[in-house]
C-alpha atoms as a PDB file:
ATOM      1  CA  MET A   1     -40.411  -9.563   1.659  1.00  0.00           C
ATOM      2  CA  LYS A   2     -39.120  -6.030   2.419  1.00  0.00           C
ATOM      3  CA  LEU A   3     -35.353  -7.422   3.168  1.00  0.00           C
ATOM      4  CA  ALA A   4     -35.220  -8.729   0.413  1.00  0.00           C
ATOM      5  CA  GLY A   5     -35.833  -5.908  -1.682  1.00  0.00           C
ATOM      6  CA  ILE A   6     -33.322  -4.191   0.237  1.00  0.00           C
ATOM      7  CA  LEU A   7     -30.582  -7.044  -0.111  1.00  0.00           C
ATOM      8  CA  VAL A   8     -31.537  -7.186  -4.685  1.00  0.00           C
ATOM      9  CA  SER A   9     -30.808  -3.149  -4.496  1.00  0.00           C
ATOM     10  CA  VAL A  10     -27.831  -3.627  -2.700  1.00  0.00           C
ATOM     11  CA  ILE A  11     -26.379  -6.228  -5.050  1.00  0.00           C
ATOM     12  CA  PHE A  12     -27.723  -4.182  -7.513  1.00  0.00           C
ATOM     13  CA  ALA A  13     -25.642  -0.936  -6.292  1.00  0.00           C
ATOM     14  CA  SER A  14     -22.289  -2.652  -5.690  1.00  0.00           C
ATOM     15  CA  GLY A  15     -22.679  -4.187  -9.445  1.00  0.00           C
ATOM     16  CA  CYS A  16     -22.815  -0.645 -10.288  1.00  0.00           C
ATOM     17  CA  ALA A  17     -20.027   0.664  -7.911  1.00  0.00           C
ATOM     18  CA  SER A  18     -17.566  -2.132  -8.907  1.00  0.00           C
ATOM     19  CA  HIS A  19     -18.231  -0.962 -12.743  1.00  0.00           C
ATOM     20  CA  THR A  20     -14.771   0.521 -13.444  1.00  0.00           C
ATOM     21  CA  ASN A  21     -13.485   1.672 -16.865  1.00  0.00           C
ATOM     22  CA  LYS A  22      -9.971   1.211 -18.000  1.00  0.00           C
ATOM     23  CA  THR A  23      -9.033   4.297 -18.178  1.00  0.00           C
ATOM     24  CA  GLU A  24      -9.785   5.350 -14.548  1.00  0.00           C
ATOM     25  CA  ASP A  25      -6.926   5.603 -11.929  1.00  0.00           C
ATOM     26  CA  SER A  26      -5.826   4.034  -8.839  1.00  0.00           C
ATOM     27  CA  TYR A  27      -7.582   6.404  -7.056  1.00  0.00           C
ATOM     28  CA  THR A  28     -11.036   6.370  -8.301  1.00  0.00           C
ATOM     29  CA  LYS A  29     -10.858   2.242  -8.477  1.00  0.00           C
ATOM     30  CA  ALA A  30     -10.313   2.483  -4.530  1.00  0.00           C
ATOM     31  CA  THR A  31     -12.802   5.078  -4.313  1.00  0.00           C
ATOM     32  CA  SER A  32     -15.310   2.700  -6.116  1.00  0.00           C
ATOM     33  CA  LYS A  33     -14.239  -0.049  -3.969  1.00  0.00           C
ATOM     34  CA  LYS A  34     -14.865   2.178  -0.696  1.00  0.00           C
ATOM     35  CA  ILE A  35     -18.320   2.629  -1.781  1.00  0.00           C
ATOM     36  CA  GLU A  36     -19.338  -0.951  -2.820  1.00  0.00           C
ATOM     37  CA  ALA A  37     -17.910  -2.311   0.560  1.00  0.00           C
ATOM     38  CA  ALA A  38     -20.043   0.491   2.016  1.00  0.00           C
ATOM     39  CA  VAL A  39     -22.819  -0.606   0.034  1.00  0.00           C
ATOM     40  CA  THR A  40     -22.521  -4.186   0.936  1.00  0.00           C
ATOM     41  CA  ILE A  41     -22.632  -4.238   4.448  1.00  0.00           C
ATOM     42  CA  PRO A  42     -25.668  -6.198   5.000  1.00  0.00           C
ATOM     43  CA  LEU A  43     -24.424  -9.181   3.158  1.00  0.00           C
ATOM     44  CA  ALA A  44     -20.801  -9.014   4.730  1.00  0.00           C
ATOM     45  CA  ASP A  45     -22.836  -8.805   8.314  1.00  0.00           C
ATOM     46  CA  LEU A  46     -24.205 -12.143   7.158  1.00  0.00           C
ATOM     47  CA  ASN A  47     -21.026 -13.440   6.056  1.00  0.00           C
ATOM     48  CA  LEU A  48     -22.682 -13.828   2.484  1.00  0.00           C
ATOM     49  CA  ILE A  49     -19.620 -12.064   1.186  1.00  0.00           C
ATOM     50  CA  GLU A  50     -16.143 -12.889   1.808  1.00  0.00           C
ATOM     51  CA  THR A  51     -13.170 -10.051   2.459  1.00  0.00           C
ATOM     52  CA  ARG A  52     -10.370 -10.945   1.044  1.00  0.00           C
ATOM     53  CA  ILE A  53      -6.835 -10.306   2.807  1.00  0.00           C
ATOM     54  CA  PRO A  54      -4.128  -9.011  -0.192  1.00  0.00           C
ATOM     55  CA  ALA A  55      -1.029 -11.300   0.023  1.00  0.00           C
ATOM     56  CA  ALA A  56       0.704  -8.178   1.019  1.00  0.00           C
ATOM     57  CA  LEU A  57      -0.742  -7.715   3.986  1.00  0.00           C
ATOM     58  CA  VAL A  58      -1.193 -11.408   4.824  1.00  0.00           C
ATOM     59  CA  VAL A  59       2.878 -11.846   5.052  1.00  0.00           C
ATOM     60  CA  ALA A  60       2.790  -8.503   6.718  1.00  0.00           C
ATOM     61  CA  LEU A  61       0.136  -9.625   9.368  1.00  0.00           C
ATOM     62  CA  LYS A  62       2.647 -13.632  10.219  1.00  0.00           C
ATOM     63  CA  ASN A  63       5.251 -10.651  11.686  1.00  0.00           C
ATOM     64  CA  PRO A  64       5.296  -6.661  11.011  1.00  0.00           C
ATOM     65  CA  TYR A  65       8.891  -6.776  12.216  1.00  0.00           C
ATOM     66  CA  ALA A  66      10.395  -9.463  10.268  1.00  0.00           C
ATOM     67  CA  ALA A  67      13.411  -8.578   8.802  1.00  0.00           C
ATOM     68  CA  PRO A  68      13.447  -9.120   4.902  1.00  0.00           C
ATOM     69  CA  LEU A  69      15.615 -11.542   3.124  1.00  0.00           C
ATOM     70  CA  ASP A  70      16.609  -9.144   0.635  1.00  0.00           C
ATOM     71  CA  ALA A  71      17.115  -6.057   1.679  1.00  0.00           C
ATOM     72  CA  SER A  72      18.105  -4.301  -1.493  1.00  0.00           C
ATOM     73  CA  CYS A  73      16.934  -1.005  -2.438  1.00  0.00           C
ATOM     74  CA  ASP A  74      14.791  -2.832  -5.548  1.00  0.00           C
ATOM     75  CA  ASN A  75      13.126  -5.373  -3.428  1.00  0.00           C
ATOM     76  CA  LEU A  76      12.310  -2.720  -0.416  1.00  0.00           C
ATOM     77  CA  ALA A  77      10.652  -1.220  -3.176  1.00  0.00           C
ATOM     78  CA  LYS A  78       8.744  -3.784  -4.401  1.00  0.00           C
ATOM     79  CA  ASP A  79       7.150  -4.945  -1.105  1.00  0.00           C
ATOM     80  CA  ILE A  80       6.274  -1.225  -0.697  1.00  0.00           C
ATOM     81  CA  ILE A  81       4.569  -0.706  -3.524  1.00  0.00           C
ATOM     82  CA  ALA A  82       2.762  -3.608  -2.708  1.00  0.00           C
ATOM     83  CA  LEU A  83       1.303  -2.644   0.228  1.00  0.00           C
ATOM     84  CA  ASP A  84       0.820   1.038  -1.419  1.00  0.00           C
ATOM     85  CA  GLU A  85      -1.536  -1.198  -3.400  1.00  0.00           C
ATOM     86  CA  ALA A  86      -2.914  -2.836  -0.580  1.00  0.00           C
ATOM     87  CA  LEU A  87      -3.202   0.157   1.814  1.00  0.00           C
ATOM     88  CA  GLY A  88      -3.355   3.243  -0.563  1.00  0.00           C
ATOM     89  CA  ALA A  89      -0.669   5.945  -0.510  1.00  0.00           C
ATOM     90  CA  ASP A  90       1.132   6.521   2.813  1.00  0.00           C
ATOM     91  CA  LEU A  91       1.439   9.706   5.036  1.00  0.00           C
ATOM     92  CA  ASP A  92       4.798  10.498   3.531  1.00  0.00           C
ATOM     93  CA  THR A  93       3.918  10.188  -0.610  1.00  0.00           C
ATOM     94  CA  PRO A  94       3.503  13.517  -2.478  1.00  0.00           C
ATOM     95  CA  VAL A  95       0.075  15.281  -3.771  1.00  0.00           C
ATOM     96  CA  THR A  96      -0.240  14.366  -6.827  1.00  0.00           C
ATOM     97  CA  LYS A  97      -3.780  13.892  -9.499  1.00  0.00           C
ATOM     98  CA  LYS A  98      -3.824  10.111  -8.382  1.00  0.00           C
ATOM     99  CA  ASN A  99      -3.147  10.892  -4.925  1.00  0.00           C
ATOM    100  CA  GLU A 100      -5.286  13.596  -3.910  1.00  0.00           C
ATOM    101  CA  SER A 101      -4.152  15.867  -0.510  1.00  0.00           C
ATOM    102  CA  LEU A 102      -5.542  14.894   2.397  1.00  0.00           C
ATOM    103  CA  ILE A 103      -8.316  17.491   2.634  1.00  0.00           C
ATOM    104  CA  ALA A 104      -9.951  15.784  -1.050  1.00  0.00           C
ATOM    105  CA  ARG A 105      -9.658  12.536   0.681  1.00  0.00           C
ATOM    106  CA  THR A 106     -11.489  13.438   3.387  1.00  0.00           C
ATOM    107  CA  ILE A 107     -14.668  14.285   1.998  1.00  0.00           C
ATOM    108  CA  VAL A 108     -14.921  11.279  -0.356  1.00  0.00           C
ATOM    109  CA  SER A 109     -14.346   9.441   3.023  1.00  0.00           C
ATOM    110  CA  GLU A 110     -17.429  11.282   4.412  1.00  0.00           C
ATOM    111  CA  SER A 111     -19.275  10.756   1.814  1.00  0.00           C
ATOM    112  CA  VAL A 112     -18.490   6.732   2.102  1.00  0.00           C
ATOM    113  CA  SER A 113     -19.230   6.913   5.765  1.00  0.00           C
ATOM    114  CA  ALA A 114     -22.599   8.289   5.152  1.00  0.00           C
ATOM    115  CA  ILE A 115     -23.452   5.568   2.874  1.00  0.00           C
ATOM    116  CA  ARG A 116     -22.106   3.210   5.336  1.00  0.00           C
ATOM    117  CA  LYS A 117     -24.240   4.544   7.827  1.00  0.00           C
ATOM    118  CA  SER A 118     -27.597   3.957   5.763  1.00  0.00           C
ATOM    119  CA  THR A 119     -26.293   0.298   5.017  1.00  0.00           C
ATOM    120  CA  GLU A 120     -25.842  -0.718   8.454  1.00  0.00           C
ATOM    121  CA  ALA A 121     -29.195   0.156   9.427  1.00  0.00           C
ATOM    122  CA  VAL A 122     -30.710  -2.503   7.188  1.00  0.00           C
ATOM    123  CA  VAL A 123     -29.716  -5.818   9.436  1.00  0.00           C
ATOM    124  CA  PRO A 124     -31.360  -5.797  12.471  1.00  0.00           C
ATOM    125  CA  PHE A 125     -29.421  -6.615  15.880  1.00  0.00           C
ATOM    126  CA  ARG A 126     -26.790  -5.912  13.729  1.00  0.00           C
ATOM    127  CA  ASN A 127     -23.653  -6.652  16.176  1.00  0.00           C
ATOM    128  CA  TRP A 128     -25.552  -9.935  17.431  1.00  0.00           C
ATOM    129  CA  VAL A 129     -26.225 -10.687  13.522  1.00  0.00           C
ATOM    130  CA  ARG A 130     -22.598 -10.252  12.881  1.00  0.00           C
ATOM    131  CA  LYS A 131     -21.475 -11.824  16.079  1.00  0.00           C
ATOM    132  CA  LEU A 132     -23.262 -15.223  15.553  1.00  0.00           C
ATOM    133  CA  SER A 133     -22.374 -15.004  11.291  1.00  0.00           C
ATOM    134  CA  GLY A 134     -18.825 -15.036  11.857  1.00  0.00           C
ATOM    135  CA  ALA A 135     -18.184 -11.880  10.259  1.00  0.00           C
ATOM    136  CA  GLU A 136     -16.750 -10.362  13.315  1.00  0.00           C
ATOM    137  CA  ARG A 137     -14.011 -11.958  13.731  1.00  0.00           C
ATOM    138  CA  LYS A 138     -12.578 -11.811  10.349  1.00  0.00           C
ATOM    139  CA  SER A 139     -13.637  -7.626  10.516  1.00  0.00           C
ATOM    140  CA  LYS A 140     -11.106  -8.143  13.049  1.00  0.00           C
ATOM    141  CA  THR A 141      -8.816  -9.783  10.961  1.00  0.00           C
ATOM    142  CA  VAL A 142      -9.237  -7.249   8.098  1.00  0.00           C
ATOM    143  CA  ALA A 143      -8.158  -4.784  10.827  1.00  0.00           C
ATOM    144  CA  ALA A 144      -5.281  -6.424  11.975  1.00  0.00           C
ATOM    145  CA  ALA A 145      -4.221  -7.217   8.432  1.00  0.00           C
ATOM    146  CA  ILE A 146      -4.454  -3.596   7.749  1.00  0.00           C
ATOM    147  CA  SER A 147      -2.500  -2.064  10.940  1.00  0.00           C
ATOM    148  CA  ALA A 148       0.262  -5.056  10.426  1.00  0.00           C
ATOM    149  CA  GLY A 149       0.550  -4.077   6.591  1.00  0.00           C
ATOM    150  CA  GLY A 150       0.843  -0.037   7.898  1.00  0.00           C
ATOM    151  CA  ILE A 151       3.559  -1.132  10.144  1.00  0.00           C
ATOM    152  CA  ARG A 152       5.740  -3.269   8.016  1.00  0.00           C
ATOM    153  CA  ARG A 153       5.536  -0.586   5.148  1.00  0.00           C
ATOM    154  CA  ALA A 154       6.936   2.301   8.192  1.00  0.00           C
ATOM    155  CA  TYR A 155       9.671  -0.630   8.995  1.00  0.00           C
ATOM    156  CA  LEU A 156      10.623  -1.256   5.522  1.00  0.00           C
ATOM    157  CA  LYS A 157      10.608   1.995   4.364  1.00  0.00           C
ATOM    158  CA  GLY A 158      12.636   2.660   7.671  1.00  0.00           C
ATOM    159  CA  ILE A 159      15.283  -0.040   6.740  1.00  0.00           C
ATOM    160  CA  GLY A 160      15.494   1.600   3.118  1.00  0.00           C
ATOM    161  CA  HIS A 161      16.266   4.725   5.123  1.00  0.00           C
ATOM    162  CA  ALA A 162      19.203   3.087   6.407  1.00  0.00           C
ATOM    163  CA  ASN A 163      20.391   1.801   3.431  1.00  0.00           C
ATOM    164  CA  LYS A 164      20.470   5.440   1.762  1.00  0.00           C
ATOM    165  CA  CYS A 165      17.481   4.155  -0.844  1.00  0.00           C
ATOM    166  CA  GLN A 166      15.409   6.309  -3.002  1.00  0.00           C
ATOM    167  CA  PRO A 167      11.738   6.896  -2.835  1.00  0.00           C
ATOM    168  CA  PRO A 168       9.355   4.604  -2.584  1.00  0.00           C
ATOM    169  CA  ALA A 169      12.144   2.102  -1.035  1.00  0.00           C
ATOM    170  CA  ALA A 170      12.501   5.022   1.539  1.00  0.00           C
ATOM    171  CA  PRO A 171      10.465   7.702   2.707  1.00  0.00           C
ATOM    172  CA  PHE A 172       9.929  11.033   0.415  1.00  0.00           C
ATOM    173  CA  ASN A 173      11.296  14.086   2.390  1.00  0.00           C
ATOM    174  CA  ILE A 174       8.427  16.311   2.428  1.00  0.00           C
ATOM    175  CA  ALA A 175       9.763  19.715   3.392  1.00  0.00           C
ATOM    176  CA  LEU A 176       7.134  21.395   6.320  1.00  0.00           C
ATOM    177  CA  LYS A 177       6.167  25.214   5.005  1.00  0.00           C
END
């Protein structure tokens, strides 16, 4: 009965976390999604919810080093923007209001991590439950897609740089101070 109460609380909290205002920026939406994912961990562990892999990451997972069919600057920019939407800002992206500094991102990351650790404790024998439910296999696929997406984005930016494209089709030049 206690587990049922916890799951109802998790579902309620995830609904609250997923509610977003149309005026919120993409960074706030991404943060809300991270909190929602942290809160719904017990449901993912039981394989009751599925993590969808964005199309750009599915393509990257198939072959991150595949040469683009159209290596024009416009097409590279389109592909890189799709990867940015799936992965978040790249390391070379300048700090803006939407893309805060690494320190600000770390503070949010640590907060989400604390929530995640609390909710992970809800499912007893979590590792076994994840393996038996198939959630562990799905989690590895998602992690591989994220890694492949990062590699693909860097590869496409390298092609853009070689083609003398402008950002986002090539890396931003960040001067070190």
